[in-house]
Amino acid sequence: MRDITYPPVILTAKTLFKVLGMRFQMSGTENIPREGGAILAANHIGYVDFVFDGFAAQPSKRLVRFMAKREAFDHKITGPIMRSFHHISVDREKGEESYRKAVEYARAGEIVGIFPEATISRSFEIKELKTGAVRMAAEAGVPLIPMVTWGTQLLKTKDHPSDLTGRGKTIALHVGEPLEVTGADPVAETELLRAAMSALLDKAIAEYPISPEGQWWAPARHGGLAPTPEEARRLDEEEKAARAAKRAKG
């Protein structure tokens, strides 16, 4: 694929992050192949996750093509940017189309980034995962790579004020070893992916420079004040019901 805008935007972002005093913790980046396709499955804790997830592929000199909701492509400002980066638009009513495109990308040697939780995790734990990442990797015949981002929730996430400057913040990016999946049992293989991502999350929290104790942005299991997974599920259901009611009113 021809990339005109993606590389210079990354360079600009790196410069901006340096000016803002942002710090990065990274591990396992060698697990992202220098050539060939792969599915990169990441957790989802904030609205700007994809901005940072791609940095994990920089040591391997790769660009990640992220799957993102259609609304980002429809926006008059972000839409042209997303398309120029060759990201993949996801229309939840036509999911098969975006699935097929992701498989084609991976077969063609691209790294496709996906958020298998589908929505932001209010608990900051790994939610139940959709099986799409496993099925894509198996069908394309490429490795499935688990990864975890930590710290992006401090910039912009659900139910909390935003701080998009990111000044002085630390962003952690941890990549796990590739999983070879067959697709014979997508549910069981998705559970293996979830276990790998959960282990990476524990590592990210343990190595983060700020203790999770008493922090709104940390899981309750680690002493943080975030909702438990059960509480987060209830909040998600309430949000979904409110959106449905709003659509019904026109």
Protein backbone atom coordinates (compact mmCIF):
# COMPACT_ATOMS: atom_id res chain seq x y z
CA MET A 1 0.00 0.00 0.00
CA ARG A 2 1.14 3.50 -0.76
CA ASP A 3 1.40 5.61 2.39
CA ILE A 4 1.77 9.36 1.93
CA THR A 5 0.25 10.76 5.13
CA TYR A 6 0.76 7.97 7.70
CA PRO A 7 4.58 8.17 8.17
CA PRO A 8 4.80 11.98 8.49
CA VAL A 9 1.87 12.02 10.94
CA ILE A 10 3.68 9.45 13.10
CA LEU A 11 6.85 11.56 13.02
CA THR A 12 4.86 14.66 14.00
CA ALA A 13 3.15 12.77 16.82
CA LYS A 14 6.47 11.53 18.19
CA THR A 15 7.80 15.08 18.23
CA LEU A 16 4.65 16.36 19.96
CA PHE A 17 4.76 13.63 22.61
CA LYS A 18 8.38 14.48 23.33
CA VAL A 19 7.55 18.19 23.70
CA LEU A 20 4.72 17.30 26.09
CA GLY A 21 7.05 15.22 28.22
CA MET A 22 5.16 12.00 27.61
CA ARG A 23 6.96 8.79 28.48
CA PHE A 24 6.56 5.31 27.01
CA GLN A 25 7.02 1.90 28.58
CA MET A 26 7.29 -0.83 25.96
CA SER A 27 7.95 -4.54 26.01
CA GLY A 28 7.60 -7.44 23.59
CA THR A 29 7.70 -5.24 20.49
CA GLU A 30 9.97 -7.83 18.88
CA ASN A 31 6.88 -10.06 18.69
CA ILE A 32 5.51 -7.90 15.88
CA PRO A 33 6.90 -9.36 12.64
CA ARG A 34 9.05 -7.21 10.38
CA GLU A 35 7.28 -8.66 7.38
CA GLY A 36 4.11 -10.60 6.66
CA GLY A 37 0.58 -10.24 7.92
CA ALA A 38 -0.73 -10.47 11.46
CA ILE A 39 -3.76 -9.62 13.56
CA LEU A 40 -2.88 -7.35 16.48
CA ALA A 41 -5.53 -7.69 19.20
CA ALA A 42 -5.50 -4.92 21.81
CA ASN A 43 -7.51 -3.98 24.87
CA HIS A 44 -9.78 -0.94 24.80
CA ILE A 45 -9.67 1.50 27.72
CA GLY A 46 -9.97 4.90 26.07
CA TYR A 47 -11.02 6.83 23.00
CA VAL A 48 -7.45 7.44 21.79
CA ASP A 49 -6.08 3.90 22.14
CA PHE A 50 -5.47 3.42 18.42
CA VAL A 51 -3.37 6.60 18.32
CA PHE A 52 -0.83 4.90 20.57
CA ASP A 53 -1.23 1.19 19.79
CA GLY A 54 0.47 1.63 16.44
CA PHE A 55 3.64 2.79 18.20
CA ALA A 56 4.24 -0.78 19.35
CA ALA A 57 4.87 -1.67 15.70
CA GLN A 58 7.40 1.11 15.13
CA PRO A 59 10.46 -0.89 16.30
CA SER A 60 9.58 -3.41 13.57
CA LYS A 61 9.11 -0.54 11.10
CA ARG A 62 5.50 -1.56 10.45
CA LEU A 63 2.27 0.38 10.04
CA VAL A 64 -0.95 -0.92 11.59
CA ARG A 65 -4.28 -0.78 9.76
CA PHE A 66 -6.88 -0.38 12.50
CA MET A 67 -10.49 -1.44 12.41
CA ALA A 68 -12.56 1.49 13.66
CA LYS A 69 -16.24 2.39 13.78
CA ARG A 70 -17.76 3.91 10.68
CA GLU A 71 -18.53 7.22 12.40
CA ALA A 72 -14.81 8.08 12.44
CA PHE A 73 -14.73 7.68 8.66
CA ASP A 74 -17.90 9.73 8.15
CA HIS A 75 -16.50 12.75 10.05
CA LYS A 76 -15.40 15.58 7.75
CA ILE A 77 -12.02 15.94 9.48
CA THR A 78 -11.07 12.46 10.70
CA GLY A 79 -12.63 10.64 7.74
CA PRO A 80 -10.05 11.64 5.09
CA ILE A 81 -7.24 10.93 7.56
CA MET A 82 -8.54 7.47 8.44
CA ARG A 83 -8.91 6.59 4.76
CA SER A 84 -5.45 7.90 3.89
CA PHE A 85 -4.01 5.62 6.60
CA HIS A 86 -5.85 2.67 4.98
CA HIS A 87 -7.69 1.89 8.20
CA ILE A 88 -10.79 -0.30 7.97
CA SER A 89 -14.27 1.11 8.49
CA VAL A 90 -16.57 -1.05 10.63
CA ASP A 91 -20.31 -0.80 10.09
CA ARG A 92 -21.85 -2.94 12.81
CA GLU A 93 -24.87 -3.59 10.62
CA LYS A 94 -22.59 -4.87 7.84
CA GLY A 95 -19.86 -6.51 9.87
CA GLU A 96 -19.10 -9.17 7.27
CA GLU A 97 -17.80 -6.56 4.84
CA SER A 98 -15.21 -5.17 7.26
CA TYR A 99 -14.31 -8.71 8.37
CA ARG A 100 -13.57 -9.68 4.76
CA LYS A 101 -11.47 -6.58 4.19
CA ALA A 102 -9.42 -7.30 7.32
CA VAL A 103 -8.75 -10.85 6.15
CA GLU A 104 -7.70 -9.55 2.72
CA TYR A 105 -5.34 -7.04 4.32
CA ALA A 106 -3.73 -9.67 6.54
CA ARG A 107 -3.33 -12.11 3.63
CA ALA A 108 -1.67 -9.33 1.66
CA GLY A 109 0.94 -8.92 4.40
CA GLU A 110 -0.58 -6.09 6.43
CA ILE A 111 -0.85 -5.87 10.21
CA VAL A 112 -4.49 -5.36 11.15
CA GLY A 113 -5.29 -3.84 14.53
CA ILE A 114 -8.52 -4.88 16.23
CA PHE A 115 -10.21 -4.26 19.58
CA PRO A 116 -11.90 -7.61 20.29
CA GLU A 117 -13.74 -6.19 23.32
CA ALA A 118 -15.63 -4.01 20.79
CA THR A 119 -16.32 -1.27 23.35
CA ILE A 120 -14.34 0.59 26.02
CA SER A 121 -13.93 -1.28 29.29
CA ARG A 122 -15.25 0.83 32.17
CA SER A 123 -13.64 -1.58 34.66
CA PHE A 124 -10.30 -1.32 32.82
CA GLU A 125 -10.18 -5.11 32.98
CA ILE A 126 -10.26 -7.28 29.86
CA LYS A 127 -13.91 -7.74 28.96
CA GLU A 128 -15.39 -10.75 27.19
CA LEU A 129 -13.91 -10.88 23.70
CA LYS A 130 -15.61 -11.32 20.36
CA THR A 131 -14.29 -14.26 18.33
CA GLY A 132 -13.59 -12.15 15.24
CA ALA A 133 -9.86 -11.70 15.91
CA VAL A 134 -9.31 -15.46 16.16
CA ARG A 135 -11.40 -16.19 13.07
CA MET A 136 -9.62 -13.51 11.03
CA ALA A 137 -6.16 -14.77 11.95
CA ALA A 138 -7.12 -18.38 11.24
CA GLU A 139 -8.74 -17.60 7.88
CA ALA A 140 -5.87 -15.38 6.77
CA GLY A 141 -3.27 -17.87 7.99
CA VAL A 142 -1.40 -15.29 10.07
CA PRO A 143 -0.33 -15.02 13.72
CA LEU A 144 -2.65 -13.52 16.32
CA ILE A 145 -0.69 -11.11 18.53
CA PRO A 146 -2.07 -10.02 21.91
CA MET A 147 -1.20 -6.59 23.26
CA VAL A 148 -2.22 -4.26 26.05
CA THR A 149 -2.18 -0.49 26.29
CA TRP A 150 -2.18 1.23 29.68
CA GLY A 151 -2.37 4.93 30.53
CA THR A 152 -4.54 6.07 27.63
CA GLN A 153 -7.55 6.15 29.97
CA LEU A 154 -5.91 9.15 31.63
CA LEU A 155 -6.33 11.10 28.39
CA LYS A 156 -9.92 10.36 27.39
CA THR A 157 -12.28 7.59 28.47
CA LYS A 158 -15.89 7.10 29.47
CA ASP A 159 -17.42 8.83 32.51
CA HIS A 160 -14.35 10.97 33.33
CA PRO A 161 -12.98 14.41 32.36
CA SER A 162 -10.53 14.47 29.45
CA ASP A 163 -6.90 15.58 29.47
CA LEU A 164 -5.93 15.32 25.84
CA THR A 165 -2.67 17.20 26.25
CA GLY A 166 -1.18 14.13 27.89
CA ARG A 167 1.48 16.34 29.45
CA GLY A 168 3.82 14.27 31.62
CA LYS A 169 1.75 11.10 31.23
CA THR A 170 3.19 7.61 30.82
CA ILE A 171 1.75 5.29 28.18
CA ALA A 172 2.56 1.59 28.43
CA LEU A 173 2.51 -0.75 25.44
CA HIS A 174 3.10 -4.44 26.09
CA VAL A 175 3.04 -7.03 23.30
CA GLY A 176 2.69 -10.75 23.90
CA GLU A 177 4.02 -13.74 22.00
CA PRO A 178 2.09 -14.61 18.81
CA LEU A 179 -0.68 -17.18 19.13
CA GLU A 180 -1.04 -19.71 16.34
CA VAL A 181 -4.77 -20.30 15.94
CA THR A 182 -6.63 -22.73 13.70
CA GLY A 183 -10.20 -21.50 14.03
CA ALA A 184 -11.34 -25.05 14.82
CA ASP A 185 -12.73 -23.82 18.15
CA PRO A 186 -12.95 -20.01 18.03
CA VAL A 187 -14.48 -19.76 21.49
CA ALA A 188 -11.72 -21.77 23.18
CA GLU A 189 -8.98 -19.96 21.24
CA THR A 190 -10.55 -16.62 22.12
CA GLU A 191 -10.30 -17.57 25.79
CA LEU A 192 -6.58 -18.22 25.25
CA LEU A 193 -6.30 -14.73 23.75
CA ARG A 194 -8.16 -13.24 26.71
CA ALA A 195 -5.85 -15.04 29.17
CA ALA A 196 -2.79 -13.69 27.34
CA MET A 197 -4.17 -10.16 27.35
CA SER A 198 -5.09 -10.39 31.05
CA ALA A 199 -1.54 -11.44 31.91
CA LEU A 200 -0.18 -8.49 29.93
CA LEU A 201 -2.58 -6.17 31.74
CA ASP A 202 -1.34 -7.35 35.13
CA LYS A 203 2.22 -6.75 33.94
CA ALA A 204 1.34 -3.25 32.72
CA ILE A 205 -0.27 -2.30 36.03
CA ALA A 206 2.55 -3.77 38.12
CA GLU A 207 5.24 -1.92 36.15
CA TYR A 208 3.40 1.38 35.81
CA PRO A 209 5.15 4.24 37.66
CA ILE A 210 2.01 5.16 39.64
CA SER A 211 0.47 2.76 42.16
CA PRO A 212 -3.09 1.71 41.30
CA GLU A 213 -4.20 2.01 44.94
CA GLY A 214 -7.13 4.40 45.25
CA GLN A 215 -6.94 5.55 41.62
CA TRP A 216 -10.13 5.99 39.58
CA TRP A 217 -8.32 4.71 36.50
CA ALA A 218 -7.30 1.35 38.01
CA PRO A 219 -9.30 -1.92 38.32
CA ALA A 220 -10.96 -2.67 41.65
CA ARG A 221 -9.03 -5.96 41.70
CA HIS A 222 -5.81 -3.95 41.95
CA GLY A 223 -7.09 -1.63 44.66
CA GLY A 224 -8.41 0.98 42.25
CA LEU A 225 -11.75 2.74 42.28
CA ALA A 226 -13.00 1.67 38.85
CA PRO A 227 -16.28 -0.25 38.67
CA THR A 228 -16.03 -4.00 39.02
CA PRO A 229 -16.64 -5.94 35.79
CA GLU A 230 -20.18 -6.65 37.02
CA GLU A 231 -20.86 -2.99 37.77
CA ALA A 232 -19.33 -1.98 34.44
CA ARG A 233 -21.61 -4.42 32.62
CA ARG A 234 -24.64 -2.81 34.26
CA LEU A 235 -23.47 0.67 33.23
CA ASP A 236 -22.92 -0.55 29.66
CA GLU A 237 -26.45 -1.96 29.53
CA GLU A 238 -27.89 1.30 30.86
CA GLU A 239 -25.95 3.28 28.26
CA LYS A 240 -27.13 0.97 25.48
CA ALA A 241 -30.76 1.30 26.62
CA ALA A 242 -30.46 5.11 26.75
CA ARG A 243 -29.09 5.20 23.19
CA ALA A 244 -31.91 2.97 21.97
CA ALA A 245 -34.50 5.19 23.63
CA LYS A 246 -32.94 8.27 22.04
CA ARG A 247 -33.03 6.68 18.58
CA ALA A 248 -36.68 5.69 19.11
CA LYS A 249 -37.60 9.33 19.80
CA GLY A 250 -36.02 10.30 16.52
